[in-house]
N, C-alpha and C. Protein backbone atom coordinates (compact mmCIF):
# COMPACT_ATOMS: atom_id res chain seq x y z
N UNK A 1 55.51 48.90 0.79
CA UNK A 1 54.71 49.10 -0.39
C UNK A 1 53.76 50.26 -0.12
N UNK A 2 53.42 51.00 -1.15
CA UNK A 2 52.51 52.13 -1.01
C UNK A 2 51.71 52.28 -2.30
N UNK A 3 50.67 53.09 -2.24
CA UNK A 3 49.77 53.30 -3.37
C UNK A 3 49.95 54.74 -3.86
N UNK A 4 50.00 54.91 -5.17
CA UNK A 4 50.13 56.24 -5.77
C UNK A 4 48.88 56.52 -6.58
N UNK A 5 48.33 57.72 -6.42
CA UNK A 5 47.20 58.14 -7.25
C UNK A 5 47.61 59.40 -7.98
N UNK A 6 47.35 59.41 -9.28
CA UNK A 6 47.67 60.56 -10.13
C UNK A 6 46.43 60.92 -10.92
N UNK A 7 46.13 62.20 -10.98
CA UNK A 7 45.06 62.69 -11.84
C UNK A 7 45.75 63.50 -12.94
N UNK A 8 45.47 63.12 -14.20
CA UNK A 8 46.21 63.73 -15.30
C UNK A 8 45.36 63.80 -16.56
N UNK A 9 45.86 64.54 -17.54
CA UNK A 9 45.24 64.55 -18.86
C UNK A 9 45.44 63.17 -19.50
N UNK A 10 44.49 62.69 -20.27
CA UNK A 10 44.64 61.38 -20.92
C UNK A 10 45.90 61.27 -21.77
N UNK A 11 46.30 62.36 -22.40
CA UNK A 11 47.49 62.34 -23.26
C UNK A 11 48.78 62.11 -22.46
N UNK A 12 48.77 62.41 -21.16
CA UNK A 12 49.96 62.26 -20.33
C UNK A 12 50.03 60.92 -19.60
N UNK A 13 48.99 60.12 -19.67
CA UNK A 13 48.91 58.89 -18.87
C UNK A 13 50.06 57.93 -19.15
N UNK A 14 50.39 57.69 -20.41
CA UNK A 14 51.49 56.75 -20.74
C UNK A 14 52.83 57.28 -20.25
N UNK A 15 53.06 58.56 -20.44
CA UNK A 15 54.34 59.14 -20.01
C UNK A 15 54.49 59.08 -18.49
N UNK A 16 53.41 59.34 -17.77
CA UNK A 16 53.45 59.28 -16.31
C UNK A 16 53.65 57.85 -15.84
N UNK A 17 52.98 56.90 -16.48
CA UNK A 17 53.14 55.49 -16.12
C UNK A 17 54.59 55.04 -16.32
N UNK A 18 55.20 55.45 -17.41
CA UNK A 18 56.60 55.11 -17.68
C UNK A 18 57.52 55.73 -16.63
N UNK A 19 57.27 56.99 -16.28
CA UNK A 19 58.10 57.66 -15.29
C UNK A 19 57.98 56.99 -13.92
N UNK A 20 56.78 56.59 -13.56
CA UNK A 20 56.60 55.89 -12.28
C UNK A 20 57.33 54.55 -12.28
N UNK A 21 57.28 53.84 -13.42
CA UNK A 21 57.98 52.57 -13.53
C UNK A 21 59.48 52.72 -13.47
N UNK A 22 59.98 53.87 -13.89
CA UNK A 22 61.41 54.14 -13.81
C UNK A 22 61.83 54.45 -12.38
N UNK A 23 61.00 55.18 -11.66
CA UNK A 23 61.35 55.61 -10.32
C UNK A 23 61.08 54.55 -9.26
N UNK A 24 60.09 53.68 -9.47
CA UNK A 24 59.69 52.71 -8.47
C UNK A 24 59.50 51.34 -9.10
N UNK A 25 59.47 50.32 -8.26
CA UNK A 25 59.04 48.99 -8.69
C UNK A 25 57.52 49.03 -8.61
N UNK A 26 56.84 48.97 -9.75
CA UNK A 26 55.39 49.16 -9.78
C UNK A 26 54.65 47.90 -10.19
N UNK A 27 53.39 47.86 -9.77
CA UNK A 27 52.48 46.82 -10.22
C UNK A 27 51.69 47.32 -11.40
N UNK A 28 50.57 46.67 -11.67
CA UNK A 28 49.72 47.07 -12.78
C UNK A 28 49.05 48.41 -12.48
N UNK A 29 49.04 49.28 -13.47
CA UNK A 29 48.41 50.59 -13.32
C UNK A 29 46.92 50.43 -13.63
N UNK A 30 46.09 50.90 -12.71
CA UNK A 30 44.65 50.89 -12.92
C UNK A 30 44.24 52.30 -13.34
N UNK A 31 43.44 52.39 -14.39
CA UNK A 31 43.10 53.69 -14.96
C UNK A 31 41.59 53.84 -15.02
N UNK A 32 41.10 54.98 -14.50
CA UNK A 32 39.67 55.27 -14.49
C UNK A 32 39.47 56.73 -14.89
N UNK A 33 38.32 57.04 -15.49
CA UNK A 33 38.04 58.46 -15.80
C UNK A 33 37.68 59.21 -14.51
N UNK A 34 37.93 60.51 -14.52
CA UNK A 34 37.49 61.34 -13.39
C UNK A 34 35.99 61.56 -13.51
N UNK A 35 35.38 62.13 -12.50
CA UNK A 35 33.93 62.35 -12.53
C UNK A 35 33.49 63.22 -13.69
N UNK A 36 34.31 64.21 -14.03
CA UNK A 36 33.95 65.08 -15.16
C UNK A 36 34.35 64.46 -16.51
N UNK A 37 35.04 63.30 -16.48
CA UNK A 37 35.45 62.55 -17.67
C UNK A 37 36.46 63.29 -18.56
N UNK A 38 37.02 64.39 -18.05
CA UNK A 38 38.01 65.14 -18.82
C UNK A 38 39.43 64.66 -18.57
N UNK A 39 39.64 64.03 -17.42
CA UNK A 39 40.98 63.57 -17.06
C UNK A 39 40.92 62.11 -16.64
N UNK A 40 42.09 61.55 -16.36
CA UNK A 40 42.18 60.16 -15.93
C UNK A 40 42.71 60.11 -14.50
N UNK A 41 42.27 59.10 -13.77
CA UNK A 41 42.84 58.79 -12.47
C UNK A 41 43.67 57.52 -12.65
N UNK A 42 44.92 57.57 -12.23
CA UNK A 42 45.81 56.41 -12.30
C UNK A 42 46.08 55.96 -10.88
N UNK A 43 45.95 54.67 -10.63
CA UNK A 43 46.27 54.08 -9.34
C UNK A 43 47.31 53.00 -9.57
N UNK A 44 48.36 53.01 -8.78
CA UNK A 44 49.40 52.01 -8.93
C UNK A 44 50.01 51.67 -7.57
N UNK A 45 50.19 50.39 -7.33
CA UNK A 45 50.93 49.95 -6.14
C UNK A 45 52.41 50.04 -6.48
N UNK A 46 53.18 50.56 -5.56
CA UNK A 46 54.60 50.78 -5.82
C UNK A 46 55.42 50.44 -4.59
N UNK A 47 56.69 50.24 -4.84
CA UNK A 47 57.64 50.01 -3.77
C UNK A 47 58.97 50.60 -4.21
N UNK A 48 59.81 50.87 -3.23
CA UNK A 48 61.13 51.39 -3.56
C UNK A 48 61.92 50.32 -4.30
N UNK A 49 62.73 50.74 -5.24
CA UNK A 49 63.60 49.79 -5.93
C UNK A 49 64.68 49.35 -4.94
N UNK A 50 65.14 48.10 -5.06
CA UNK A 50 66.23 47.68 -4.17
C UNK A 50 67.48 48.50 -4.45
N UNK A 51 68.27 48.68 -3.42
CA UNK A 51 69.51 49.44 -3.58
C UNK A 51 70.42 48.73 -4.57
N UNK A 52 70.95 49.47 -5.52
CA UNK A 52 71.82 48.83 -6.51
C UNK A 52 73.13 48.36 -5.86
N UNK A 53 73.69 47.34 -6.43
CA UNK A 53 74.99 46.89 -5.97
C UNK A 53 76.02 47.97 -6.29
N UNK A 54 77.04 48.10 -5.49
CA UNK A 54 78.03 49.13 -5.78
C UNK A 54 78.71 48.85 -7.12
N UNK A 55 79.09 49.92 -7.79
CA UNK A 55 79.78 49.78 -9.07
C UNK A 55 81.14 49.15 -8.84
N UNK A 56 81.60 48.35 -9.80
CA UNK A 56 82.96 47.82 -9.65
C UNK A 56 83.97 48.95 -9.76
N UNK A 57 85.06 48.80 -9.08
CA UNK A 57 86.14 49.79 -9.21
C UNK A 57 86.76 49.62 -10.59
N UNK A 58 87.48 50.62 -11.07
CA UNK A 58 88.16 50.45 -12.35
C UNK A 58 89.09 49.23 -12.36
N UNK A 59 89.80 49.01 -11.26
CA UNK A 59 90.70 47.85 -11.20
C UNK A 59 89.94 46.54 -11.33
N UNK A 60 88.78 46.46 -10.70
CA UNK A 60 87.96 45.25 -10.79
C UNK A 60 87.40 45.09 -12.21
N UNK A 61 86.89 46.17 -12.75
CA UNK A 61 86.23 46.10 -14.06
C UNK A 61 87.20 45.78 -15.18
N UNK A 62 88.40 46.34 -15.12
CA UNK A 62 89.34 46.22 -16.23
C UNK A 62 90.48 45.24 -15.95
N UNK A 63 90.31 44.38 -14.96
CA UNK A 63 91.35 43.41 -14.60
C UNK A 63 91.70 42.50 -15.78
N UNK A 64 90.73 42.14 -16.58
CA UNK A 64 90.96 41.22 -17.70
C UNK A 64 91.10 41.94 -19.05
N UNK A 65 91.14 43.26 -19.00
CA UNK A 65 91.16 44.04 -20.25
C UNK A 65 92.55 44.04 -20.89
N UNK A 66 92.58 44.01 -22.23
CA UNK A 66 93.86 44.18 -22.92
C UNK A 66 94.37 45.61 -22.71
N UNK A 67 95.56 45.88 -23.17
CA UNK A 67 96.14 47.22 -22.99
C UNK A 67 95.28 48.26 -23.71
N UNK A 68 95.42 49.49 -23.29
CA UNK A 68 94.69 50.59 -23.92
C UNK A 68 95.07 50.70 -25.39
N UNK A 69 96.34 50.57 -25.70
CA UNK A 69 96.81 50.67 -27.09
C UNK A 69 96.17 49.56 -27.92
N UNK A 70 96.12 48.37 -27.37
CA UNK A 70 95.50 47.25 -28.09
C UNK A 70 94.02 47.52 -28.35
N UNK A 71 93.32 48.06 -27.38
CA UNK A 71 91.89 48.34 -27.54
C UNK A 71 91.65 49.47 -28.53
N UNK A 72 92.50 50.48 -28.52
CA UNK A 72 92.37 51.55 -29.52
C UNK A 72 92.55 50.96 -30.92
N UNK A 73 93.53 50.09 -31.07
CA UNK A 73 93.75 49.44 -32.37
C UNK A 73 92.57 48.60 -32.78
N UNK A 74 92.01 47.83 -31.86
CA UNK A 74 90.84 47.00 -32.17
C UNK A 74 89.67 47.88 -32.59
N UNK A 75 89.46 48.98 -31.87
CA UNK A 75 88.35 49.90 -32.18
C UNK A 75 88.52 50.48 -33.58
N UNK A 76 89.72 50.92 -33.91
CA UNK A 76 89.97 51.51 -35.24
C UNK A 76 89.79 50.47 -36.34
N UNK A 77 90.32 49.26 -36.14
CA UNK A 77 90.18 48.21 -37.16
C UNK A 77 88.72 47.82 -37.35
N UNK A 78 87.99 47.70 -36.26
CA UNK A 78 86.58 47.31 -36.34
C UNK A 78 85.77 48.37 -37.06
N UNK A 79 86.02 49.62 -36.75
CA UNK A 79 85.32 50.71 -37.42
C UNK A 79 85.66 50.76 -38.90
N UNK A 80 86.92 50.58 -39.24
CA UNK A 80 87.33 50.60 -40.65
C UNK A 80 86.70 49.45 -41.42
N UNK A 81 86.62 48.28 -40.80
CA UNK A 81 86.04 47.12 -41.47
C UNK A 81 84.54 47.26 -41.66
N UNK A 82 83.87 47.91 -40.71
CA UNK A 82 82.42 48.07 -40.78
C UNK A 82 82.02 49.08 -41.85
N UNK A 83 82.76 50.13 -41.98
CA UNK A 83 82.44 51.14 -42.98
C UNK A 83 81.44 52.17 -42.53
N UNK A 84 80.52 51.79 -41.65
CA UNK A 84 79.56 52.78 -41.13
C UNK A 84 79.10 52.34 -39.74
N UNK A 85 78.62 53.29 -38.97
CA UNK A 85 78.25 53.03 -37.58
C UNK A 85 77.04 52.11 -37.45
N UNK A 86 76.17 52.05 -38.44
CA UNK A 86 74.96 51.24 -38.30
C UNK A 86 75.26 49.74 -38.33
N UNK A 87 76.46 49.35 -38.77
CA UNK A 87 76.80 47.93 -38.84
C UNK A 87 77.54 47.45 -37.59
N UNK A 88 77.73 48.31 -36.60
CA UNK A 88 78.48 47.95 -35.40
C UNK A 88 77.55 47.39 -34.32
N UNK A 89 78.03 46.38 -33.59
CA UNK A 89 77.22 45.76 -32.56
C UNK A 89 77.52 46.36 -31.18
N UNK A 90 76.84 45.86 -30.18
CA UNK A 90 76.98 46.37 -28.82
C UNK A 90 78.41 46.23 -28.30
N UNK A 91 79.07 45.12 -28.63
CA UNK A 91 80.45 44.91 -28.16
C UNK A 91 81.35 46.07 -28.56
N UNK A 92 81.16 46.58 -29.77
CA UNK A 92 81.98 47.72 -30.21
C UNK A 92 81.77 48.91 -29.29
N UNK A 93 80.51 49.26 -29.04
CA UNK A 93 80.22 50.45 -28.23
C UNK A 93 80.64 50.26 -26.77
N UNK A 94 80.52 49.03 -26.27
CA UNK A 94 80.95 48.74 -24.90
C UNK A 94 82.47 48.88 -24.79
N UNK A 95 83.18 48.26 -25.72
CA UNK A 95 84.65 48.31 -25.66
C UNK A 95 85.16 49.73 -25.91
N UNK A 96 84.49 50.46 -26.78
CA UNK A 96 84.88 51.86 -27.03
C UNK A 96 84.67 52.69 -25.76
N UNK A 97 83.51 52.54 -25.12
CA UNK A 97 83.24 53.29 -23.89
C UNK A 97 84.23 52.91 -22.80
N UNK A 98 84.58 51.63 -22.71
CA UNK A 98 85.52 51.18 -21.69
C UNK A 98 86.92 51.76 -21.92
N UNK A 99 87.39 51.75 -23.16
CA UNK A 99 88.73 52.29 -23.40
C UNK A 99 88.75 53.80 -23.17
N UNK A 100 87.68 54.50 -23.51
CA UNK A 100 87.63 55.94 -23.24
C UNK A 100 87.57 56.21 -21.73
N UNK A 101 86.89 55.34 -20.98
CA UNK A 101 86.87 55.46 -19.52
C UNK A 101 88.27 55.27 -18.96
N UNK A 102 88.97 54.28 -19.46
CA UNK A 102 90.33 54.01 -18.98
C UNK A 102 91.27 55.17 -19.30
N UNK A 103 91.13 55.77 -20.48
CA UNK A 103 91.95 56.92 -20.83
C UNK A 103 91.62 58.10 -19.91
N UNK A 104 90.33 58.32 -19.65
CA UNK A 104 89.93 59.41 -18.76
C UNK A 104 90.47 59.20 -17.35
N UNK A 105 90.51 57.96 -16.89
CA UNK A 105 91.06 57.68 -15.56
C UNK A 105 92.52 58.11 -15.46
N UNK A 106 93.26 57.95 -16.56
CA UNK A 106 94.66 58.39 -16.57
C UNK A 106 94.76 59.91 -16.54
N UNK A 107 93.80 60.58 -17.15
CA UNK A 107 93.81 62.03 -17.28
C UNK A 107 93.24 62.74 -16.04
N UNK A 108 92.39 62.06 -15.29
CA UNK A 108 91.63 62.72 -14.24
C UNK A 108 92.41 63.20 -13.02
N UNK A 109 93.52 62.60 -12.64
CA UNK A 109 94.20 63.18 -11.48
C UNK A 109 94.53 64.66 -11.67
N UNK A 110 94.73 65.07 -12.92
CA UNK A 110 95.05 66.47 -13.18
C UNK A 110 93.85 67.30 -13.60
N UNK A 111 92.86 66.68 -14.26
CA UNK A 111 91.75 67.46 -14.81
C UNK A 111 90.48 66.61 -14.84
N UNK A 112 89.58 66.86 -13.88
CA UNK A 112 88.33 66.09 -13.80
C UNK A 112 87.30 66.53 -14.85
N UNK A 113 87.57 67.62 -15.55
CA UNK A 113 86.62 68.13 -16.52
C UNK A 113 87.26 68.28 -17.90
N UNK A 114 88.25 67.48 -18.18
CA UNK A 114 88.96 67.58 -19.45
C UNK A 114 88.24 66.88 -20.59
N UNK A 115 88.85 66.96 -21.75
CA UNK A 115 88.28 66.36 -22.95
C UNK A 115 88.13 64.84 -22.82
N UNK A 116 89.10 64.19 -22.18
CA UNK A 116 89.04 62.73 -22.03
C UNK A 116 87.83 62.34 -21.19
N UNK A 117 87.57 63.07 -20.13
CA UNK A 117 86.41 62.77 -19.28
C UNK A 117 85.12 63.02 -20.04
N UNK A 118 85.04 64.11 -20.78
CA UNK A 118 83.84 64.40 -21.57
C UNK A 118 83.58 63.31 -22.60
N UNK A 119 84.63 62.83 -23.26
CA UNK A 119 84.48 61.77 -24.26
C UNK A 119 84.02 60.47 -23.59
N UNK A 120 84.57 60.17 -22.41
CA UNK A 120 84.18 58.95 -21.69
C UNK A 120 82.71 59.01 -21.27
N UNK A 121 82.28 60.14 -20.78
CA UNK A 121 80.88 60.29 -20.36
C UNK A 121 79.95 60.20 -21.58
N UNK A 122 80.32 60.84 -22.67
CA UNK A 122 79.48 60.79 -23.88
C UNK A 122 79.34 59.35 -24.39
N UNK A 123 80.44 58.61 -24.43
CA UNK A 123 80.38 57.22 -24.89
C UNK A 123 79.56 56.36 -23.93
N UNK A 124 79.69 56.62 -22.64
CA UNK A 124 78.93 55.87 -21.64
C UNK A 124 77.43 56.15 -21.77
N UNK A 125 77.08 57.40 -21.96
CA UNK A 125 75.66 57.75 -22.13
C UNK A 125 75.09 57.15 -23.41
N UNK A 126 75.90 57.10 -24.47
CA UNK A 126 75.44 56.47 -25.71
C UNK A 126 75.16 54.99 -25.47
N UNK A 127 76.05 54.31 -24.77
CA UNK A 127 75.84 52.89 -24.46
C UNK A 127 74.58 52.70 -23.62
N UNK A 128 74.40 53.55 -22.62
CA UNK A 128 73.18 53.48 -21.80
C UNK A 128 71.92 53.63 -22.65
N UNK A 129 71.91 54.65 -23.49
CA UNK A 129 70.74 54.90 -24.35
C UNK A 129 70.51 53.73 -25.30
N UNK A 130 71.58 53.19 -25.85
CA UNK A 130 71.47 52.06 -26.79
C UNK A 130 70.92 50.83 -26.07
N UNK A 131 71.44 50.55 -24.89
CA UNK A 131 70.96 49.40 -24.12
C UNK A 131 69.48 49.56 -23.77
N UNK A 132 69.12 50.75 -23.37
CA UNK A 132 67.72 51.00 -23.02
C UNK A 132 66.82 50.83 -24.24
N UNK A 133 67.23 51.32 -25.38
CA UNK A 133 66.43 51.18 -26.61
C UNK A 133 66.33 49.72 -27.04
N UNK A 134 67.41 48.95 -26.87
CA UNK A 134 67.42 47.55 -27.27
C UNK A 134 66.50 46.70 -26.40
N UNK A 135 66.51 46.97 -25.09
CA UNK A 135 65.74 46.14 -24.17
C UNK A 135 64.33 46.65 -23.97
N UNK A 136 64.12 47.94 -24.19
CA UNK A 136 62.82 48.53 -23.92
C UNK A 136 62.61 48.80 -22.44
N UNK A 137 63.60 48.46 -21.62
CA UNK A 137 63.50 48.70 -20.18
C UNK A 137 64.29 49.94 -19.82
N UNK A 138 63.74 50.76 -18.95
CA UNK A 138 64.52 51.92 -18.53
C UNK A 138 65.70 51.47 -17.68
N UNK A 139 66.81 52.14 -17.85
CA UNK A 139 67.98 51.86 -17.04
C UNK A 139 67.76 52.53 -15.70
N UNK A 140 68.18 51.89 -14.63
CA UNK A 140 67.91 52.42 -13.30
C UNK A 140 68.48 53.81 -13.14
N UNK A 141 67.83 54.59 -12.27
CA UNK A 141 68.25 55.96 -12.05
C UNK A 141 69.69 56.09 -11.62
N UNK A 142 70.18 55.13 -10.82
CA UNK A 142 71.56 55.21 -10.39
C UNK A 142 72.51 54.98 -11.55
N UNK A 143 72.14 54.14 -12.50
CA UNK A 143 72.99 53.91 -13.67
C UNK A 143 73.01 55.16 -14.53
N UNK A 144 71.86 55.76 -14.72
CA UNK A 144 71.80 56.97 -15.54
C UNK A 144 72.59 58.09 -14.88
N UNK A 145 72.62 58.12 -13.55
CA UNK A 145 73.36 59.16 -12.84
C UNK A 145 74.86 58.95 -12.85
N UNK A 146 75.31 57.73 -13.06
CA UNK A 146 76.73 57.45 -13.09
C UNK A 146 77.03 56.51 -14.25
N UNK A 147 76.99 57.06 -15.43
CA UNK A 147 77.10 56.27 -16.65
C UNK A 147 78.42 55.52 -16.75
N UNK A 148 79.50 56.10 -16.29
CA UNK A 148 80.80 55.40 -16.38
C UNK A 148 80.82 54.19 -15.45
N UNK A 149 80.14 54.24 -14.33
CA UNK A 149 80.01 53.06 -13.48
C UNK A 149 79.26 51.96 -14.20
N UNK A 150 78.24 52.34 -14.95
CA UNK A 150 77.48 51.38 -15.75
C UNK A 150 78.39 50.70 -16.77
N UNK A 151 79.25 51.47 -17.43
CA UNK A 151 80.19 50.90 -18.40
C UNK A 151 81.10 49.90 -17.70
N UNK A 152 81.62 50.25 -16.53
CA UNK A 152 82.50 49.34 -15.81
C UNK A 152 81.78 48.05 -15.43
N UNK A 153 80.54 48.19 -14.99
CA UNK A 153 79.75 47.01 -14.62
C UNK A 153 79.53 46.11 -15.85
N UNK A 154 79.12 46.71 -16.95
CA UNK A 154 78.84 45.95 -18.15
C UNK A 154 80.11 45.34 -18.75
N UNK A 155 81.21 46.07 -18.69
CA UNK A 155 82.48 45.55 -19.22
C UNK A 155 82.96 44.37 -18.38
N UNK A 156 82.88 44.49 -17.07
CA UNK A 156 83.31 43.39 -16.19
C UNK A 156 82.49 42.14 -16.48
N UNK A 157 81.20 42.31 -16.64
CA UNK A 157 80.32 41.17 -16.97
C UNK A 157 80.69 40.59 -18.34
N UNK A 158 80.90 41.44 -19.31
CA UNK A 158 81.26 41.01 -20.67
C UNK A 158 82.60 40.27 -20.66
N UNK A 159 83.60 40.82 -19.97
CA UNK A 159 84.94 40.24 -19.96
C UNK A 159 84.94 38.84 -19.32
N UNK A 160 84.13 38.66 -18.28
CA UNK A 160 84.05 37.35 -17.62
C UNK A 160 83.44 36.29 -18.52
N UNK A 161 82.61 36.72 -19.45
CA UNK A 161 81.90 35.78 -20.33
C UNK A 161 82.56 35.62 -21.69
N UNK A 162 83.74 36.15 -21.87
CA UNK A 162 84.44 36.03 -23.16
C UNK A 162 85.30 34.79 -23.21
């Protein structure tokens, strides 16, 4: 455990506190004015976040998944029935990201930067952003750095509970 002290403009205090909470496991932030009262002093006890568990392999994550063709069909039917994106739930975005990841895995032996990979990463980042907005908790830095691993982790968890 260690102590962090930051001197900042009052307008930046919330943003800095959030960033520290994302990077470290933090305690309560103590805030005091500086001697000139123009800035704030932030004090926080912090510790390194525990090492994340390794991401599941694609084989582990998609062991219970239906075929890619079946998932594409489900995605299209669900979207057609909803009529607009605002009526879709998390399961839709998770399954869509998972099927795009699986398609990219088929494409990647030949092209690691192809359209399939770009679509898989975009869908994974959307799911990450949506999950973060829903929970109000920042997603760990390792998840943000490897969004497709996050999709595999979330899909494996979802599939086991279906």
